PDB file of all heavy atoms in Angstrom:
ATOM      1  N   LEU A   1     115.911 218.886 172.893  1.00  0.00           N
ATOM      2  CA  LEU A   1     115.272 218.298 174.064  1.00  0.00           C
ATOM      3  C   LEU A   1     113.754 218.271 173.911  1.00  0.00           C
ATOM      4  O   LEU A   1     113.096 219.325 173.935  1.00  0.00           O
ATOM      5  CB  LEU A   1     115.646 219.106 175.323  1.00  0.00           C
ATOM      6  CG  LEU A   1     115.100 218.565 176.652  1.00  0.00           C
ATOM      7  CD1 LEU A   1     115.742 217.218 176.971  1.00  0.00           C
ATOM      8  CD2 LEU A   1     115.357 219.542 177.766  1.00  0.00           C
ATOM      9  N   ASP A   2     113.211 217.096 173.684  1.00  0.00           N
ATOM     10  CA  ASP A   2     111.764 216.890 173.586  1.00  0.00           C
ATOM     11  C   ASP A   2     111.489 215.419 173.829  1.00  0.00           C
ATOM     12  O   ASP A   2     111.587 214.605 172.915  1.00  0.00           O
ATOM     13  CB  ASP A   2     111.236 217.328 172.217  1.00  0.00           C
ATOM     14  CG  ASP A   2     109.718 217.272 172.149  1.00  0.00           C
ATOM     15  OD1 ASP A   2     109.072 216.925 173.182  1.00  0.00           O
ATOM     16  OD2 ASP A   2     109.168 217.563 171.080  1.00  0.00           O
ATOM     17  N   PRO A   3     111.126 215.036 175.039  1.00  0.00           N
ATOM     18  CA  PRO A   3     110.908 213.625 175.352  1.00  0.00           C
ATOM     19  C   PRO A   3     109.615 213.044 174.758  1.00  0.00           C
ATOM     20  O   PRO A   3     109.369 211.855 174.877  1.00  0.00           O
ATOM     21  CB  PRO A   3     110.868 213.582 176.867  1.00  0.00           C
ATOM     22  CG  PRO A   3     110.426 214.940 177.272  1.00  0.00           C
ATOM     23  CD  PRO A   3     110.953 215.872 176.219  1.00  0.00           C
ATOM     24  N   PHE A   4     108.795 213.882 174.114  1.00  0.00           N
ATOM     25  CA  PHE A   4     107.519 213.397 173.579  1.00  0.00           C
ATOM     26  C   PHE A   4     107.582 213.046 172.097  1.00  0.00           C
ATOM     27  O   PHE A   4     106.594 212.665 171.511  1.00  0.00           O
ATOM     28  CB  PHE A   4     106.424 214.448 173.821  1.00  0.00           C
ATOM     29  CG  PHE A   4     106.218 214.742 175.275  1.00  0.00           C
ATOM     30  CD1 PHE A   4     106.706 215.918 175.837  1.00  0.00           C
ATOM     31  CD2 PHE A   4     105.556 213.831 176.093  1.00  0.00           C
ATOM     32  CE1 PHE A   4     106.526 216.179 177.183  1.00  0.00           C
ATOM     33  CE2 PHE A   4     105.387 214.084 177.432  1.00  0.00           C
ATOM     34  CZ  PHE A   4     105.869 215.258 177.992  1.00  0.00           C
ATOM     35  N   THR A   5     108.737 213.226 171.462  1.00  0.00           N
ATOM     36  CA  THR A   5     108.874 212.865 170.053  1.00  0.00           C
ATOM     37  C   THR A   5     109.912 211.763 169.907  1.00  0.00           C
ATOM     38  O   THR A   5     110.625 211.445 170.836  1.00  0.00           O
ATOM     39  CB  THR A   5     109.330 214.085 169.222  1.00  0.00           C
ATOM     40  OG1 THR A   5     110.612 214.512 169.689  1.00  0.00           O
ATOM     41  CG2 THR A   5     108.339 215.220 169.309  1.00  0.00           C
ATOM     42  N   GLY A   6     109.996 211.205 168.724  1.00  0.00           N
ATOM     43  CA  GLY A   6     111.010 210.189 168.435  1.00  0.00           C
ATOM     44  C   GLY A   6     110.395 208.867 168.057  1.00  0.00           C
ATOM     45  O   GLY A   6     109.193 208.662 168.140  1.00  0.00           O
ATOM     46  N   VAL A   7     111.267 207.977 167.633  1.00  0.00           N
ATOM     47  CA  VAL A   7     110.837 206.675 167.151  1.00  0.00           C
ATOM     48  C   VAL A   7     110.476 205.736 168.291  1.00  0.00           C
ATOM     49  O   VAL A   7     109.426 205.103 168.289  1.00  0.00           O
ATOM     50  CB  VAL A   7     111.970 206.051 166.283  1.00  0.00           C
ATOM     51  CG1 VAL A   7     111.541 204.712 165.732  1.00  0.00           C
ATOM     52  CG2 VAL A   7     112.383 207.001 165.189  1.00  0.00           C
ATOM     53  N   TRP A   8     111.359 205.639 169.281  1.00  0.00           N
ATOM     54  CA  TRP A   8     111.123 204.715 170.389  1.00  0.00           C
ATOM     55  C   TRP A   8     110.447 205.458 171.534  1.00  0.00           C
ATOM     56  O   TRP A   8     110.765 206.606 171.828  1.00  0.00           O
ATOM     57  CB  TRP A   8     112.439 204.126 170.869  1.00  0.00           C
ATOM     58  CG  TRP A   8     112.252 203.201 172.017  1.00  0.00           C
ATOM     59  CD1 TRP A   8     111.981 201.877 171.959  1.00  0.00           C
ATOM     60  CD2 TRP A   8     112.321 203.523 173.417  1.00  0.00           C
ATOM     61  NE1 TRP A   8     111.868 201.361 173.212  1.00  0.00           N
ATOM     62  CE2 TRP A   8     112.071 202.351 174.131  1.00  0.00           C
ATOM     63  CE3 TRP A   8     112.540 204.697 174.113  1.00  0.00           C
ATOM     64  CZ2 TRP A   8     112.055 202.304 175.513  1.00  0.00           C
ATOM     65  CZ3 TRP A   8     112.522 204.649 175.502  1.00  0.00           C
ATOM     66  CH2 TRP A   8     112.279 203.461 176.184  1.00  0.00           C
ATOM     67  N   ARG A   9     109.523 204.807 172.201  1.00  0.00           N
ATOM     68  CA  ARG A   9     108.874 205.392 173.377  1.00  0.00           C
ATOM     69  C   ARG A   9     108.718 204.315 174.440  1.00  0.00           C
ATOM     70  O   ARG A   9     108.610 203.145 174.129  1.00  0.00           O
ATOM     71  CB  ARG A   9     107.498 205.920 173.008  1.00  0.00           C
ATOM     72  CG  ARG A   9     107.617 207.092 172.062  1.00  0.00           C
ATOM     73  CD  ARG A   9     106.522 208.094 172.278  1.00  0.00           C
ATOM     74  NE  ARG A   9     106.724 209.144 171.314  1.00  0.00           N
ATOM     75  CZ  ARG A   9     105.784 209.606 170.539  1.00  0.00           C
ATOM     76  NH1 ARG A   9     104.577 209.136 170.614  1.00  0.00           N
ATOM     77  NH2 ARG A   9     106.046 210.572 169.710  1.00  0.00           N
ATOM     78  N   PRO A  10     108.666 204.748 175.705  1.00  0.00           N
ATOM     79  CA  PRO A  10     108.382 203.764 176.755  1.00  0.00           C
ATOM     80  C   PRO A  10     107.009 203.115 176.515  1.00  0.00           C
ATOM     81  O   PRO A  10     106.147 203.723 175.881  1.00  0.00           O
ATOM     82  CB  PRO A  10     108.364 204.601 178.042  1.00  0.00           C
ATOM     83  CG  PRO A  10     109.096 205.853 177.716  1.00  0.00           C
ATOM     84  CD  PRO A  10     108.897 206.073 176.246  1.00  0.00           C
ATOM     85  N   PRO A  11     106.790 201.901 177.005  1.00  0.00           N
ATOM     86  CA  PRO A  11     105.513 201.223 176.760  1.00  0.00           C
ATOM     87  C   PRO A  11     104.295 202.017 177.189  1.00  0.00           C
ATOM     88  O   PRO A  11     103.259 201.947 176.542  1.00  0.00           O
ATOM     89  CB  PRO A  11     105.622 199.929 177.604  1.00  0.00           C
ATOM     90  CG  PRO A  11     107.076 199.719 177.790  1.00  0.00           C
ATOM     91  CD  PRO A  11     107.729 201.064 177.762  1.00  0.00           C
ATOM     92  N   SER A  12     104.397 202.814 178.232  1.00  0.00           N
ATOM     93  CA  SER A  12     103.259 203.590 178.688  1.00  0.00           C
ATOM     94  C   SER A  12     103.241 205.012 178.140  1.00  0.00           C
ATOM     95  O   SER A  12     102.383 205.797 178.500  1.00  0.00           O
ATOM     96  CB  SER A  12     103.268 203.645 180.220  1.00  0.00           C
ATOM     97  OG  SER A  12     104.453 204.260 180.659  1.00  0.00           O
ATOM     98  N   GLY A  13     104.199 205.335 177.281  1.00  0.00           N
ATOM     99  CA  GLY A  13     104.303 206.689 176.765  1.00  0.00           C
ATOM    100  C   GLY A  13     105.309 207.508 177.572  1.00  0.00           C
ATOM    101  O   GLY A  13     105.834 207.021 178.582  1.00  0.00           O
ATOM    102  N   ALA A  14     105.560 208.697 177.144  1.00  0.00           N
ATOM    103  CA  ALA A  14     106.576 209.520 177.795  1.00  0.00           C
ATOM    104  C   ALA A  14     106.086 210.230 179.051  1.00  0.00           C
ATOM    105  O   ALA A  14     106.865 210.559 179.939  1.00  0.00           O
ATOM    106  CB  ALA A  14     107.110 210.545 176.807  1.00  0.00           C
ATOM    107  N   LEU A  15     104.787 210.465 179.153  1.00  0.00           N
ATOM    108  CA  LEU A  15     104.264 211.264 180.250  1.00  0.00           C
ATOM    109  C   LEU A  15     104.331 210.566 181.625  1.00  0.00           C
ATOM    110  O   LEU A  15     104.760 211.203 182.596  1.00  0.00           O
ATOM    111  CB  LEU A  15     102.826 211.714 179.941  1.00  0.00           C
ATOM    112  CG  LEU A  15     102.267 212.775 180.854  1.00  0.00           C
ATOM    113  CD1 LEU A  15     103.118 214.033 180.800  1.00  0.00           C
ATOM    114  CD2 LEU A  15     100.838 213.108 180.441  1.00  0.00           C
ATOM    115  N   PRO A  16     103.945 209.288 181.746  1.00  0.00           N
ATOM    116  CA  PRO A  16     103.990 208.674 183.085  1.00  0.00           C
ATOM    117  C   PRO A  16     105.369 208.668 183.750  1.00  0.00           C
ATOM    118  O   PRO A  16     105.456 208.985 184.937  1.00  0.00           O
ATOM    119  CB  PRO A  16     103.467 207.248 182.835  1.00  0.00           C
ATOM    120  CG  PRO A  16     102.588 207.392 181.657  1.00  0.00           C
ATOM    121  CD  PRO A  16     103.242 208.430 180.796  1.00  0.00           C
ATOM    122  N   PRO A  17     106.469 208.338 183.035  1.00  0.00           N
ATOM    123  CA  PRO A  17     107.752 208.399 183.725  1.00  0.00           C
ATOM    124  C   PRO A  17     108.123 209.821 184.170  1.00  0.00           C
ATOM    125  O   PRO A  17     108.641 210.014 185.274  1.00  0.00           O
ATOM    126  CB  PRO A  17     108.772 207.880 182.694  1.00  0.00           C
ATOM    127  CG  PRO A  17     107.999 207.187 181.665  1.00  0.00           C
ATOM    128  CD  PRO A  17     106.631 207.754 181.694  1.00  0.00           C
ATOM    129  N   LEU A  18     107.826 210.805 183.332  1.00  0.00           N
ATOM    130  CA  LEU A  18     108.118 212.185 183.711  1.00  0.00           C
ATOM    131  C   LEU A  18     107.285 212.628 184.910  1.00  0.00           C
ATOM    132  O   LEU A  18     107.785 213.283 185.827  1.00  0.00           O
ATOM    133  CB  LEU A  18     107.887 213.122 182.527  1.00  0.00           C
ATOM    134  CG  LEU A  18     108.911 213.005 181.392  1.00  0.00           C
ATOM    135  CD1 LEU A  18     108.412 213.761 180.166  1.00  0.00           C
ATOM    136  CD2 LEU A  18     110.249 213.551 181.830  1.00  0.00           C
ATOM    137  N   LEU A  19     106.014 212.255 184.918  1.00  0.00           N
ATOM    138  CA  LEU A  19     105.152 212.615 186.044  1.00  0.00           C
ATOM    139  C   LEU A  19     105.569 211.888 187.315  1.00  0.00           C
ATOM    140  O   LEU A  19     105.510 212.465 188.419  1.00  0.00           O
ATOM    141  CB  LEU A  19     103.688 212.295 185.723  1.00  0.00           C
ATOM    142  CG  LEU A  19     103.015 213.224 184.705  1.00  0.00           C
ATOM    143  CD1 LEU A  19     101.598 212.729 184.409  1.00  0.00           C
ATOM    144  CD2 LEU A  19     102.996 214.654 185.206  1.00  0.00           C
ATOM    145  N   ALA A  20     106.025 210.647 187.197  1.00  0.00           N
ATOM    146  CA  ALA A  20     106.482 209.883 188.355  1.00  0.00           C
ATOM    147  C   ALA A  20     107.709 210.543 188.997  1.00  0.00           C
ATOM    148  O   ALA A  20     107.776 210.685 190.220  1.00  0.00           O
ATOM    149  CB  ALA A  20     106.787 208.434 187.976  1.00  0.00           C
ATOM    150  N   VAL A  21     108.666 210.948 188.161  1.00  0.00           N
ATOM    151  CA  VAL A  21     109.850 211.610 188.699  1.00  0.00           C
ATOM    152  C   VAL A  21     109.483 212.969 189.283  1.00  0.00           C
ATOM    153  O   VAL A  21     109.971 213.356 190.348  1.00  0.00           O
ATOM    154  CB  VAL A  21     110.937 211.745 187.604  1.00  0.00           C
ATOM    155  CG1 VAL A  21     112.066 212.640 188.048  1.00  0.00           C
ATOM    156  CG2 VAL A  21     111.461 210.379 187.239  1.00  0.00           C
ATOM    157  N   LEU A  22     108.615 213.691 188.640  1.00  0.00           N
ATOM    158  CA  LEU A  22     108.173 214.985 189.152  1.00  0.00           C
ATOM    159  C   LEU A  22     107.438 214.821 190.491  1.00  0.00           C
ATOM    160  O   LEU A  22     107.678 215.574 191.446  1.00  0.00           O
ATOM    161  CB  LEU A  22     107.265 215.666 188.132  1.00  0.00           C
ATOM    162  CG  LEU A  22     106.850 217.096 188.442  1.00  0.00           C
ATOM    163  CD1 LEU A  22     108.070 217.997 188.485  1.00  0.00           C
ATOM    164  CD2 LEU A  22     105.868 217.600 187.400  1.00  0.00           C
ATOM    165  N   ALA A  23     106.544 213.826 190.562  1.00  0.00           N
ATOM    166  CA  ALA A  23     105.817 213.572 191.826  1.00  0.00           C
ATOM    167  C   ALA A  23     106.777 213.162 192.934  1.00  0.00           C
ATOM    168  O   ALA A  23     106.653 213.623 194.077  1.00  0.00           O
ATOM    169  CB  ALA A  23     104.757 212.512 191.602  1.00  0.00           C
ATOM    170  N   GLY A  24     107.732 212.297 192.622  1.00  0.00           N
ATOM    171  CA  GLY A  24     108.722 211.886 193.618  1.00  0.00           C
ATOM    172  C   GLY A  24     109.530 213.045 194.125  1.00  0.00           C
ATOM    173  O   GLY A  24     109.773 213.183 195.341  1.00  0.00           O
ATOM    174  N   GLY A  25     109.960 213.920 193.227  1.00  0.00           N
ATOM    175  CA  GLY A  25     110.702 215.101 193.645  1.00  0.00           C
ATOM    176  C   GLY A  25     109.871 216.040 194.492  1.00  0.00           C
ATOM    177  O   GLY A  25     110.350 216.607 195.482  1.00  0.00           O
ATOM    178  N   ALA A  26     108.606 216.204 194.126  1.00  0.00           N
ATOM    179  CA  ALA A  26     107.723 217.076 194.911  1.00  0.00           C
ATOM    180  C   ALA A  26     107.484 216.493 196.305  1.00  0.00           C
ATOM    181  O   ALA A  26     107.509 217.236 197.304  1.00  0.00           O
ATOM    182  CB  ALA A  26     106.381 217.244 194.178  1.00  0.00           C
ATOM    183  N   ILE A  27     107.302 215.184 196.388  1.00  0.00           N
ATOM    184  CA  ILE A  27     107.110 214.541 197.696  1.00  0.00           C
ATOM    185  C   ILE A  27     108.353 214.723 198.556  1.00  0.00           C
ATOM    186  O   ILE A  27     108.266 215.030 199.745  1.00  0.00           O
ATOM    187  CB  ILE A  27     106.744 213.057 197.520  1.00  0.00           C
ATOM    188  CG1 ILE A  27     105.335 212.938 196.957  1.00  0.00           C
ATOM    189  CG2 ILE A  27     106.877 212.293 198.829  1.00  0.00           C
ATOM    190  CD1 ILE A  27     104.972 211.534 196.502  1.00  0.00           C
ATOM    191  N   LEU A  28     109.556 214.534 197.967  1.00  0.00           N
ATOM    192  CA  LEU A  28     110.776 214.720 198.733  1.00  0.00           C
ATOM    193  C   LEU A  28     110.942 216.156 199.187  1.00  0.00           C
ATOM    194  O   LEU A  28     111.394 216.419 200.306  1.00  0.00           O
ATOM    195  CB  LEU A  28     111.985 214.277 197.900  1.00  0.00           C
ATOM    196  CG  LEU A  28     112.194 212.773 197.786  1.00  0.00           C
ATOM    197  CD1 LEU A  28     113.355 212.480 196.863  1.00  0.00           C
ATOM    198  CD2 LEU A  28     112.407 212.151 199.140  1.00  0.00           C
ATOM    199  N   ALA A  29     110.597 217.114 198.341  1.00  0.00           N
ATOM    200  CA  ALA A  29     110.699 218.516 198.732  1.00  0.00           C
ATOM    201  C   ALA A  29     109.755 218.852 199.877  1.00  0.00           C
ATOM    202  O   ALA A  29     110.116 219.559 200.822  1.00  0.00           O
ATOM    203  CB  ALA A  29     110.427 219.414 197.524  1.00  0.00           C
ATOM    204  N   VAL A  30     108.532 218.307 199.821  1.00  0.00           N
ATOM    205  CA  VAL A  30     107.574 218.536 200.902  1.00  0.00           C
ATOM    206  C   VAL A  30     108.056 217.882 202.192  1.00  0.00           C
ATOM    207  O   VAL A  30     108.008 218.485 203.277  1.00  0.00           O
ATOM    208  CB  VAL A  30     106.168 218.025 200.520  1.00  0.00           C
ATOM    209  CG1 VAL A  30     105.244 217.989 201.712  1.00  0.00           C
ATOM    210  CG2 VAL A  30     105.578 218.901 199.410  1.00  0.00           C
ATOM    211  N   LEU A  31     108.580 216.653 202.081  1.00  0.00           N
ATOM    212  CA  LEU A  31     109.125 215.982 203.272  1.00  0.00           C
ATOM    213  C   LEU A  31     110.296 216.763 203.857  1.00  0.00           C
ATOM    214  O   LEU A  31     110.408 216.877 205.080  1.00  0.00           O
ATOM    215  CB  LEU A  31     109.569 214.559 202.915  1.00  0.00           C
ATOM    216  CG  LEU A  31     108.466 213.537 202.824  1.00  0.00           C
ATOM    217  CD1 LEU A  31     109.024 212.204 202.318  1.00  0.00           C
ATOM    218  CD2 LEU A  31     107.787 213.337 204.163  1.00  0.00           C
ATOM    219  N   ALA A  32     111.165 217.280 202.990  1.00  0.00           N
ATOM    220  CA  ALA A  32     112.293 218.072 203.494  1.00  0.00           C
ATOM    221  C   ALA A  32     111.797 219.319 204.219  1.00  0.00           C
ATOM    222  O   ALA A  32     112.348 219.696 205.252  1.00  0.00           O
ATOM    223  CB  ALA A  32     113.208 218.463 202.342  1.00  0.00           C
ATOM    224  N   ALA A  33     110.745 219.941 203.694  1.00  0.00           N
ATOM    225  CA  ALA A  33     110.213 221.137 204.321  1.00  0.00           C
ATOM    226  C   ALA A  33     109.537 220.826 205.645  1.00  0.00           C
ATOM    227  O   ALA A  33     109.620 221.601 206.601  1.00  0.00           O
ATOM    228  CB  ALA A  33     109.237 221.846 203.393  1.00  0.00           C
ATOM    229  N   VAL A  34     108.888 219.675 205.740  1.00  0.00           N
ATOM    230  CA  VAL A  34     108.130 219.327 206.943  1.00  0.00           C
ATOM    231  C   VAL A  34     109.037 218.734 208.016  1.00  0.00           C
ATOM    232  O   VAL A  34     108.942 219.080 209.193  1.00  0.00           O
ATOM    233  CB  VAL A  34     107.009 218.337 206.597  1.00  0.00           C
ATOM    234  CG1 VAL A  34     106.353 217.781 207.844  1.00  0.00           C
ATOM    235  CG2 VAL A  34     105.973 219.026 205.717  1.00  0.00           C
ATOM    236  N   VAL A  35     109.955 217.865 207.624  1.00  0.00           N
ATOM    237  CA  VAL A  35     110.763 217.132 208.600  1.00  0.00           C
ATOM    238  C   VAL A  35     111.896 217.974 209.156  1.00  0.00           C
ATOM    239  O   VAL A  35     112.241 217.878 210.331  1.00  0.00           O
ATOM    240  CB  VAL A  35     111.325 215.834 207.978  1.00  0.00           C
ATOM    241  CG1 VAL A  35     112.312 215.160 208.875  1.00  0.00           C
ATOM    242  CG2 VAL A  35     110.168 214.896 207.653  1.00  0.00           C
ATOM    243  N   ALA A  36     112.499 218.830 208.340  1.00  0.00           N
ATOM    244  CA  ALA A  36     113.624 219.652 208.810  1.00  0.00           C
ATOM    245  C   ALA A  36     113.097 220.651 209.821  1.00  0.00           C
ATOM    246  O   ALA A  36     112.322 221.522 209.499  1.00  0.00           O
ATOM    247  CB  ALA A  36     114.278 220.382 207.634  1.00  0.00           C
ATOM    248  N   GLY A  37     113.522 220.495 211.054  1.00  0.00           N
ATOM    249  CA  GLY A  37     113.069 221.391 212.112  1.00  0.00           C
ATOM    250  C   GLY A  37     114.035 222.527 212.284  1.00  0.00           C
ATOM    251  O   GLY A  37     115.176 222.478 211.836  1.00  0.00           O
ATOM    252  N   ASP A  38     113.619 223.565 212.962  1.00  0.00           N
ATOM    253  CA  ASP A  38     114.486 224.694 213.232  1.00  0.00           C
ATOM    254  C   ASP A  38     114.872 224.770 214.701  1.00  0.00           C
ATOM    255  O   ASP A  38     115.301 225.795 215.179  1.00  0.00           O
ATOM    256  CB  ASP A  38     113.832 225.999 212.799  1.00  0.00           C
ATOM    257  CG  ASP A  38     113.916 226.186 211.294  1.00  0.00           C
ATOM    258  OD1 ASP A  38     114.888 225.658 210.696  1.00  0.00           O
ATOM    259  OD2 ASP A  38     113.030 226.830 210.730  1.00  0.00           O
ATOM    260  N   SER A  39     114.732 223.668 215.412  1.00  0.00           N
ATOM    261  CA  SER A  39     115.187 223.633 216.791  1.00  0.00           C
ATOM    262  C   SER A  39     116.706 223.526 216.787  1.00  0.00           C
ATOM    263  O   SER A  39     117.253 222.761 216.010  1.00  0.00           O
ATOM    264  CB  SER A  39     114.569 222.415 217.479  1.00  0.00           C
ATOM    265  OG  SER A  39     115.291 222.087 218.641  1.00  0.00           O
TER     266      SER A  39
END
């Protein structure tokens, strides 16, 4: 497991897709924490 090596790479490199998925997951986690009420 190493998405930064290999022959083929995404046009923008391996880092932007990984960061996009990480950012999306972080945003969803924050939304879940903020929106879920305890009423």
